[in-house]
Amino acid sequence: VPACLAGLPDSDCGVLKEYACNLGMAFQITDDLIDSQTSPEDENKPTFARLLGCDEARDRASRFIAAAIDVLEPFGARAHPLRALAEYVRTRTA
């Protein structure tokens, strides 16, 4: 984690690692949802949208985003850019 290389305390590194894991999962799920709408040639490819259905995949992405945002609580206002990035993942369409 770059935060650790920058010398942040281990507790901060752990928070940022958890944020990144949750956001990464949400990004992958939303990417699968977008692909399911735009790439019919990938219909046999195993994706979250295909395996869970679009509604459940959206719900899981939303839960991962909420978890990513919640874990940033110790950083207060300093984490606003990271929260905004998580919200972008929630609303991205391409």
Protein backbone atom coordinates (compact mmCIF):
# COMPACT_ATOMS: atom_id res chain seq x y z
CA VAL A 1 0.00 0.00 0.00
CA PRO A 2 1.51 3.36 -0.99
CA ALA A 3 0.41 4.82 2.35
CA CYS A 4 2.78 2.47 4.14
CA LEU A 5 5.62 3.41 1.84
CA ALA A 6 4.87 7.06 2.65
CA GLY A 7 5.38 6.30 6.33
CA LEU A 8 1.80 6.46 7.59
CA PRO A 9 1.07 4.55 10.81
CA ASP A 10 0.08 0.90 10.47
CA SER A 11 -3.47 1.69 11.62
CA ASP A 12 -3.91 4.21 8.79
CA CYS A 13 -2.44 1.76 6.30
CA GLY A 14 -4.94 -0.87 7.42
CA VAL A 15 -7.85 1.53 6.96
CA LEU A 16 -6.67 2.49 3.48
CA LYS A 17 -6.10 -1.14 2.52
CA GLU A 18 -9.66 -2.00 3.59
CA TYR A 19 -10.96 1.01 1.63
CA ALA A 20 -9.06 -0.10 -1.46
CA CYS A 21 -10.30 -3.70 -1.25
CA ASN A 22 -13.92 -2.60 -0.93
CA LEU A 23 -13.61 -0.03 -3.70
CA GLY A 24 -11.85 -2.51 -5.96
CA MET A 25 -14.66 -5.02 -5.59
CA ALA A 26 -17.28 -2.33 -6.24
CA PHE A 27 -15.37 -1.17 -9.33
CA GLN A 28 -15.17 -4.72 -10.72
CA ILE A 29 -18.87 -5.33 -10.16
CA THR A 30 -19.88 -2.03 -11.79
CA ASP A 31 -17.52 -2.78 -14.66
CA ASP A 32 -19.24 -6.15 -15.13
CA LEU A 33 -22.64 -4.42 -15.06
CA ILE A 34 -21.55 -1.92 -17.70
CA ASP A 35 -20.08 -4.69 -19.87
CA SER A 36 -23.27 -6.74 -19.58
CA GLN A 37 -25.15 -3.86 -21.22
CA THR A 38 -22.61 -3.07 -23.92
CA SER A 39 -20.80 -6.32 -24.81
CA PRO A 40 -23.22 -9.08 -25.79
CA GLU A 41 -20.33 -11.06 -27.29
CA ASP A 42 -19.12 -11.73 -23.73
CA GLU A 43 -22.35 -13.44 -22.68
CA ASN A 44 -20.55 -16.67 -21.71
CA LYS A 45 -17.91 -14.87 -19.67
CA PRO A 46 -18.38 -15.38 -15.90
CA THR A 47 -19.13 -11.96 -14.42
CA PHE A 48 -20.84 -10.74 -11.28
CA ALA A 49 -23.77 -9.51 -13.37
CA ARG A 50 -24.16 -12.90 -15.02
CA LEU A 51 -23.62 -14.98 -11.89
CA LEU A 52 -25.69 -12.87 -9.47
CA GLY A 53 -28.09 -11.09 -11.77
CA CYS A 54 -27.96 -7.35 -12.33
CA ASP A 55 -30.08 -6.36 -9.33
CA GLU A 56 -28.05 -8.40 -6.84
CA ALA A 57 -24.78 -7.26 -8.43
CA ARG A 58 -25.85 -3.60 -8.06
CA ASP A 59 -26.80 -4.24 -4.44
CA ARG A 60 -23.42 -5.83 -3.69
CA ALA A 61 -21.55 -2.99 -5.38
CA SER A 62 -23.53 -0.53 -3.30
CA ARG A 63 -22.65 -2.42 -0.11
CA PHE A 64 -18.95 -2.45 -1.00
CA ILE A 65 -19.07 1.30 -1.69
CA ALA A 66 -20.80 1.95 1.62
CA ALA A 67 -18.16 -0.13 3.41
CA ALA A 68 -15.37 1.76 1.63
CA ILE A 69 -16.84 5.10 2.68
CA ASP A 70 -17.56 3.96 6.25
CA VAL A 71 -14.04 2.74 6.87
CA LEU A 72 -12.72 6.26 6.14
CA GLU A 73 -14.45 7.69 9.23
CA PRO A 74 -11.20 8.05 11.23
CA PHE A 75 -9.82 10.40 8.56
CA GLY A 76 -12.71 12.87 8.79
CA ALA A 77 -12.79 15.60 6.16
CA ARG A 78 -9.31 14.71 4.91
CA ALA A 79 -10.83 11.67 3.17
CA HIS A 80 -13.30 13.69 1.09
CA PRO A 81 -11.47 12.95 -2.21
CA LEU A 82 -11.55 9.22 -1.44
CA ARG A 83 -15.27 9.38 -0.64
CA ALA A 84 -15.86 11.25 -3.91
CA LEU A 85 -13.97 8.55 -5.79
CA ALA A 86 -16.20 5.89 -4.22
CA GLU A 87 -19.31 7.83 -5.24
CA TYR A 88 -17.96 8.08 -8.78
CA VAL A 89 -17.68 4.28 -8.91
CA ARG A 90 -21.33 4.07 -7.82
CA THR A 91 -22.50 6.32 -10.67
CA ARG A 92 -20.11 5.51 -13.52
CA THR A 93 -21.61 4.45 -16.80
CA ALA A 94 -18.51 3.81 -18.90
